């Protein structure tokens, strides 16, 4: 059975990485003035309901969605992680370190990232140049704690020190050429967000100037992009698909939208699916869900002869 794997930031820009690697721990910093010993119930939703108001007050987080994300990540670190799970953290030089959880939750008062779990760091490291495009994309998430379960085999291969080959296994990729041309759709959309039609009304969710609405973690997977309307009244869940879009995607994005609605039920939640092609089954499924739209995108280039 494959172990679970998580990416955990050790402070913004890895500023606490040196200490965490030396002392053997990972941690989070919300609600830093109080211990959470005995406060992690089995259900993260109950934890969120109790602590979202406290996080918004003590950590000055104005968005209920961002506060819910902070609570969810705190719960994941304190209760969700199990002894033996794999963790990946980066240092100031963007070198990624791999370790294993070895202890239960503990609170280190007056210390950076005081909500901690002990880690045995393996000494194995990698850079973004050493890994697959899929893993590199997941590492772009701005979330302090995020799941890397879908890449656990690749990470375990790195951990073992054995050479391995990484293959693409994505049912939406219809050809290698399609994958090569379209795999950077998310990067392009995020980088050019202000110049897109969506960027006129929505902003990608940020917290303290850092994008957290990319690869936004939920309990059933990662939302590609989460955005909020400029008037703060609406949240937008965006699912990106390479190639043909199937009716299965409608159920997937509905699960994500439901999760976001639970985080903040005061806002209207919409969904957008972006792909290159659809079919009759997808259109029928979509016709019954008025708050989800489908956008097509095209990839093109041209050659200009130099004079």
Protein backbone atom coordinates (compact mmCIF):
# COMPACT_ATOMS: atom_id res chain seq x y z
CA UNK A 1 0.00 0.00 0.00
CA UNK A 2 1.41 3.36 -1.08
CA UNK A 3 2.05 5.82 1.77
CA UNK A 4 0.32 9.18 1.77
CA UNK A 5 2.39 12.19 0.85
CA UNK A 6 2.08 15.91 1.64
CA UNK A 7 3.89 19.07 0.67
CA UNK A 8 4.38 21.38 3.67
CA UNK A 9 5.82 24.92 3.54
CA UNK A 10 8.28 25.77 6.30
CA UNK A 11 7.43 29.46 6.43
CA UNK A 12 7.14 31.87 3.53
CA UNK A 13 10.05 31.31 1.18
CA UNK A 14 11.25 28.46 3.41
CA UNK A 15 12.51 30.91 6.04
CA UNK A 16 12.20 28.33 8.84
CA UNK A 17 13.50 25.42 6.79
CA UNK A 18 17.03 25.42 8.18
CA UNK A 19 15.76 25.10 11.75
CA UNK A 20 13.08 22.53 10.87
CA UNK A 21 15.55 20.38 8.95
CA UNK A 22 18.10 20.59 11.75
CA UNK A 23 15.64 19.86 14.56
CA UNK A 24 13.40 17.43 12.68
CA UNK A 25 9.87 18.82 12.37
CA UNK A 26 7.21 20.42 10.16
CA UNK A 27 4.64 22.91 11.42
CA UNK A 28 2.01 25.58 10.87
CA UNK A 29 1.69 29.03 12.42
CA UNK A 30 -1.98 30.02 12.64
CA UNK A 31 -3.40 30.40 16.17
CA UNK A 32 0.18 30.53 17.38
CA UNK A 33 -0.70 31.71 20.90
CA UNK A 34 -2.76 28.68 21.86
CA UNK A 35 -2.19 24.95 22.07
CA UNK A 36 -4.53 22.73 20.08
CA UNK A 37 -3.81 19.64 22.15
CA UNK A 38 -7.01 17.60 22.38
CA UNK A 39 -8.87 19.98 20.04
CA UNK A 40 -8.52 17.96 16.82
CA UNK A 41 -11.71 15.96 16.40
CA UNK A 42 -12.15 13.23 13.81
CA UNK A 43 -14.05 15.60 11.53
CA UNK A 44 -12.23 18.60 10.05
CA UNK A 45 -15.58 20.31 9.45
CA UNK A 46 -16.25 20.51 13.18
CA UNK A 47 -12.75 21.88 13.73
CA UNK A 48 -13.35 24.51 11.05
CA UNK A 49 -16.69 25.53 12.51
CA UNK A 50 -15.07 26.17 15.90
CA UNK A 51 -11.84 27.80 14.79
CA UNK A 52 -12.62 29.83 11.64
CA UNK A 53 -13.83 32.83 13.72
CA UNK A 54 -10.73 32.59 15.94
CA UNK A 55 -8.38 32.44 12.93
CA UNK A 56 -10.08 35.43 11.30
CA UNK A 57 -9.59 37.39 14.53
CA UNK A 58 -6.14 36.31 15.70
CA UNK A 59 -4.51 36.04 12.26
CA UNK A 60 -6.39 38.96 10.71
CA UNK A 61 -7.71 36.90 7.79
CA UNK A 62 -10.63 38.73 6.20
CA UNK A 63 -11.80 36.00 3.80
CA UNK A 64 -13.86 33.17 5.28
CA UNK A 65 -12.61 30.87 2.52
CA UNK A 66 -8.97 31.65 3.32
CA UNK A 67 -9.70 31.19 7.04
CA UNK A 68 -11.37 27.86 6.31
CA UNK A 69 -8.36 26.79 4.28
CA UNK A 70 -6.03 27.78 7.14
CA UNK A 71 -8.10 25.75 9.61
CA UNK A 72 -8.28 22.79 7.26
CA UNK A 73 -4.51 22.75 6.81
CA UNK A 74 -3.98 23.09 10.56
CA UNK A 75 -6.29 20.11 11.15
CA UNK A 76 -4.48 18.11 8.46
CA UNK A 77 -1.12 18.71 10.10
CA UNK A 78 -2.39 18.09 13.63
CA UNK A 79 -4.71 15.13 13.04
CA UNK A 80 -4.80 14.19 9.36
CA UNK A 81 -1.15 13.22 9.07
CA UNK A 82 -0.28 9.73 10.29
CA UNK A 83 3.03 8.40 11.55
CA UNK A 84 4.88 7.06 8.53
CA UNK A 85 3.38 9.53 6.03
CA UNK A 86 5.83 11.18 3.65
CA UNK A 87 6.37 14.94 3.72
CA UNK A 88 8.13 17.18 1.20
CA UNK A 89 9.38 20.66 2.13
CA UNK A 90 11.57 23.18 0.36
CA UNK A 91 14.35 25.37 1.71
CA UNK A 92 15.34 28.94 0.82
CA UNK A 93 17.20 27.67 -2.26
CA UNK A 94 14.15 25.81 -3.65
CA UNK A 95 15.73 22.46 -2.83
CA UNK A 96 13.07 19.93 -1.83
CA UNK A 97 13.69 17.63 1.15
CA UNK A 98 11.85 14.35 1.86
CA UNK A 99 11.03 12.97 5.30
CA UNK A 100 8.67 10.73 7.29
CA UNK A 101 6.31 11.73 10.10
CA UNK A 102 7.52 10.12 13.34
CA UNK A 103 5.43 11.69 16.10
CA UNK A 104 2.02 13.03 17.14
CA UNK A 105 0.99 16.68 17.41
CA UNK A 106 2.91 18.87 19.85
CA UNK A 107 2.81 22.58 20.64
CA UNK A 108 6.05 24.55 20.92
CA UNK A 109 5.10 27.83 22.59
CA UNK A 110 6.99 31.00 21.53
CA UNK A 111 8.59 29.13 18.62
CA UNK A 112 8.12 29.62 14.86
CA UNK A 113 5.35 27.43 13.41
CA UNK A 114 4.45 26.15 16.89
CA UNK A 115 1.91 23.49 15.81
CA UNK A 116 4.33 20.70 14.93
CA UNK A 117 4.87 17.09 13.97
CA UNK A 118 8.24 15.37 14.35
CA UNK A 119 9.96 14.31 11.12
CA UNK A 120 12.89 12.11 10.28
CA UNK A 121 14.47 13.76 7.26
CA UNK A 122 15.97 11.25 4.83
CA UNK A 123 18.70 13.43 3.40
CA UNK A 124 17.30 12.81 -0.11
CA UNK A 125 16.63 16.00 -2.08
CA UNK A 126 15.45 17.05 -5.52
CA UNK A 127 14.87 20.20 -7.56
CA UNK A 128 12.07 21.12 -9.96
CA UNK A 129 14.32 20.12 -12.84
CA UNK A 130 14.52 16.53 -11.54
CA UNK A 131 10.80 15.71 -11.57
CA UNK A 132 7.82 15.21 -13.88
CA UNK A 133 5.75 18.10 -15.15
CA UNK A 134 2.75 16.78 -13.20
CA UNK A 135 4.60 16.84 -9.85
CA UNK A 136 6.14 20.21 -10.66
CA UNK A 137 2.65 21.58 -11.31
CA UNK A 138 1.36 20.30 -7.95
CA UNK A 139 4.29 21.92 -6.17
CA UNK A 140 3.11 25.30 -7.50
CA UNK A 141 0.26 25.24 -4.98
CA UNK A 142 0.51 28.16 -2.56
CA UNK A 143 -1.16 26.18 0.22
CA UNK A 144 0.93 25.60 3.33
CA UNK A 145 -0.21 21.95 3.46
CA UNK A 146 -1.28 20.12 0.29
CA UNK A 147 -1.65 16.50 -0.75
CA UNK A 148 0.82 14.91 -3.17
CA UNK A 149 -0.81 11.47 -3.02
CA UNK A 150 -1.13 11.21 -6.80
CA UNK A 151 2.66 11.59 -7.04
CA UNK A 152 3.61 9.31 -4.16
CA UNK A 153 5.15 6.67 -6.45
CA UNK A 154 7.46 9.23 -8.02
CA UNK A 155 8.46 10.61 -4.62
CA UNK A 156 9.06 7.13 -3.20
CA UNK A 157 11.29 6.43 -6.21
CA UNK A 158 13.34 9.53 -5.39
CA UNK A 159 13.42 8.50 -1.73
CA UNK A 160 14.75 5.04 -2.60
CA UNK A 161 17.55 6.57 -4.64
CA UNK A 162 16.69 4.29 -7.56
CA UNK A 163 16.41 5.62 -11.12
CA UNK A 164 12.90 5.64 -12.50
CA UNK A 165 10.86 6.80 -15.44
CA UNK A 166 7.73 8.92 -15.10
CA UNK A 167 4.88 8.44 -17.53
CA UNK A 168 1.81 10.53 -18.18
CA UNK A 169 -1.45 8.81 -17.21
CA UNK A 170 -4.21 11.26 -17.98
CA UNK A 171 -7.34 10.05 -19.79
CA UNK A 172 -7.98 13.54 -21.14
CA UNK A 173 -4.75 13.56 -23.15
CA UNK A 174 -5.59 12.39 -26.63
CA UNK A 175 -2.10 12.56 -28.10
CA UNK A 176 1.47 13.34 -27.02
CA UNK A 177 1.38 16.45 -29.23
CA UNK A 178 -1.80 17.65 -27.53
CA UNK A 179 -0.16 17.18 -24.14
CA UNK A 180 2.99 19.07 -25.12
CA UNK A 181 0.99 22.02 -26.45
CA UNK A 182 -1.60 22.18 -23.69
CA UNK A 183 0.17 21.15 -20.46
CA UNK A 184 1.04 24.79 -19.71
CA UNK A 185 -2.58 26.00 -19.91
CA UNK A 186 -2.80 26.59 -16.18
CA UNK A 187 0.53 28.44 -16.09
CA UNK A 188 -0.56 30.60 -19.01
CA UNK A 189 -3.99 31.34 -17.55
CA UNK A 190 -2.61 32.30 -14.13
CA UNK A 191 0.22 34.42 -15.58
CA UNK A 192 -2.13 36.27 -17.92
CA UNK A 193 -5.17 36.36 -15.64
CA UNK A 194 -5.64 40.18 -15.65
CA UNK A 195 -5.82 40.12 -19.46
CA UNK A 196 -8.45 37.36 -19.73
CA UNK A 197 -12.23 37.72 -19.83
CA UNK A 198 -12.45 36.06 -16.40
CA UNK A 199 -9.88 38.47 -14.96
CA UNK A 200 -12.18 41.42 -15.63
CA UNK A 201 -14.62 40.25 -12.94
CA UNK A 202 -12.65 37.80 -10.77
CA UNK A 203 -9.33 37.69 -8.89
CA UNK A 204 -7.53 34.46 -8.03
CA UNK A 205 -7.83 33.99 -4.27
CA UNK A 206 -4.82 35.35 -2.39
CA UNK A 207 -3.78 35.61 1.24
CA UNK A 208 -1.13 38.14 2.32
CA UNK A 209 -0.14 38.70 -1.31
CA UNK A 210 0.40 34.99 -2.05
CA UNK A 211 -1.84 33.04 -4.42
CA UNK A 212 -3.64 30.25 -2.54
CA UNK A 213 -6.34 29.76 -5.17
CA UNK A 214 -4.12 27.64 -7.41
CA UNK A 215 -4.21 23.88 -6.80
CA UNK A 216 -6.59 24.68 -3.93
CA UNK A 217 -6.84 21.65 -1.66
CA UNK A 218 -10.23 20.05 -0.90
CA UNK A 219 -11.18 16.76 0.76
CA UNK A 220 -11.83 15.17 -2.66
CA UNK A 221 -8.96 16.58 -4.73
CA UNK A 222 -7.41 19.83 -5.90
CA UNK A 223 -9.28 22.71 -7.53
CA UNK A 224 -7.17 23.96 -10.44
CA UNK A 225 -8.08 27.62 -9.85
CA UNK A 226 -10.31 29.25 -7.23
CA UNK A 227 -11.25 32.88 -7.82
CA UNK A 228 -13.44 35.46 -6.11
CA UNK A 229 -15.45 38.25 -7.73
CA UNK A 230 -14.07 41.73 -7.24
CA UNK A 231 -17.18 42.69 -5.24
CA UNK A 232 -16.61 39.70 -2.92
CA UNK A 233 -20.05 38.21 -3.49
CA UNK A 234 -19.20 35.24 -5.70
CA UNK A 235 -16.66 32.40 -5.77
CA UNK A 236 -15.59 30.70 -8.98
CA UNK A 237 -14.27 27.12 -9.24
CA UNK A 238 -12.32 26.47 -12.45
CA UNK A 239 -11.48 22.97 -13.69
CA UNK A 240 -9.00 22.68 -16.56
CA UNK A 241 -9.01 19.63 -18.82
CA UNK A 242 -6.63 18.76 -21.61
CA UNK A 243 -8.48 17.56 -24.67
CA UNK A 244 -12.03 16.17 -24.69
CA UNK A 245 -14.17 16.76 -21.62
CA UNK A 246 -16.35 13.89 -20.34
CA UNK A 247 -19.54 13.99 -18.29
CA UNK A 248 -17.54 12.69 -15.29
CA UNK A 249 -16.04 16.17 -14.93
CA UNK A 250 -19.47 17.62 -14.04
CA UNK A 251 -19.63 15.46 -10.91
CA UNK A 252 -16.03 16.32 -10.08
CA UNK A 253 -16.53 20.08 -10.20
CA UNK A 254 -19.83 19.79 -8.28
CA UNK A 255 -17.91 18.12 -5.42
CA UNK A 256 -15.41 20.98 -5.41
CA UNK A 257 -18.18 23.58 -5.48
CA UNK A 258 -19.94 21.89 -2.57
CA UNK A 259 -16.71 22.00 -0.55
CA UNK A 260 -16.28 25.73 -1.22
CA UNK A 261 -19.93 26.38 -0.32
CA UNK A 262 -19.33 24.67 3.03
CA UNK A 263 -16.35 26.94 3.67
CA UNK A 264 -18.39 30.07 3.01
CA UNK A 265 -22.14 29.68 2.50
CA UNK A 266 -22.63 33.46 2.34
CA UNK A 267 -21.34 33.60 -1.26
CA UNK A 268 -22.77 32.31 -4.52
CA UNK A 269 -20.56 29.57 -6.02
CA UNK A 270 -20.18 29.11 -9.79
CA UNK A 271 -18.15 26.65 -11.82
CA UNK A 272 -16.35 26.80 -15.15
CA UNK A 273 -14.92 23.83 -17.05
CA UNK A 274 -12.29 24.63 -19.67
CA UNK A 275 -11.31 22.14 -22.39
CA UNK A 276 -10.90 21.76 -26.13
CA UNK A 277 -13.84 19.49 -27.02
CA UNK A 278 -17.10 18.24 -25.54
CA UNK A 279 -19.63 15.56 -26.50
CA UNK A 280 -23.36 14.83 -26.25
CA UNK A 281 -23.17 13.14 -22.83
CA UNK A 282 -21.23 16.06 -21.38
CA UNK A 283 -23.67 18.60 -22.84
CA UNK A 284 -26.66 16.71 -21.42
CA UNK A 285 -25.13 16.57 -17.95
CA UNK A 286 -24.18 20.23 -18.08
CA UNK A 287 -27.67 21.29 -19.21
CA UNK A 288 -29.06 20.26 -15.80
CA UNK A 289 -26.58 22.38 -13.83
CA UNK A 290 -27.23 26.08 -14.56
CA UNK A 291 -24.36 27.40 -12.42
CA UNK A 292 -21.63 25.60 -14.39
CA UNK A 293 -20.38 26.82 -17.78
CA UNK A 294 -18.10 25.30 -20.40
CA UNK A 295 -15.36 27.31 -22.13
CA UNK A 296 -13.37 26.06 -25.11
CA UNK A 297 -9.78 27.05 -25.66
CA UNK A 298 -7.54 26.74 -28.68
CA UNK A 299 -3.80 26.43 -28.96
CA UNK A 300 -2.22 27.98 -32.03
CA UNK A 301 1.03 29.39 -33.31
CA UNK A 302 2.37 30.89 -36.51
CA UNK A 303 5.71 31.20 -38.24
CA UNK A 304 6.87 34.56 -39.60
CA UNK A 305 9.64 34.58 -42.15
CA UNK A 306 12.48 36.84 -41.17
CA UNK A 307 13.29 39.50 -43.76
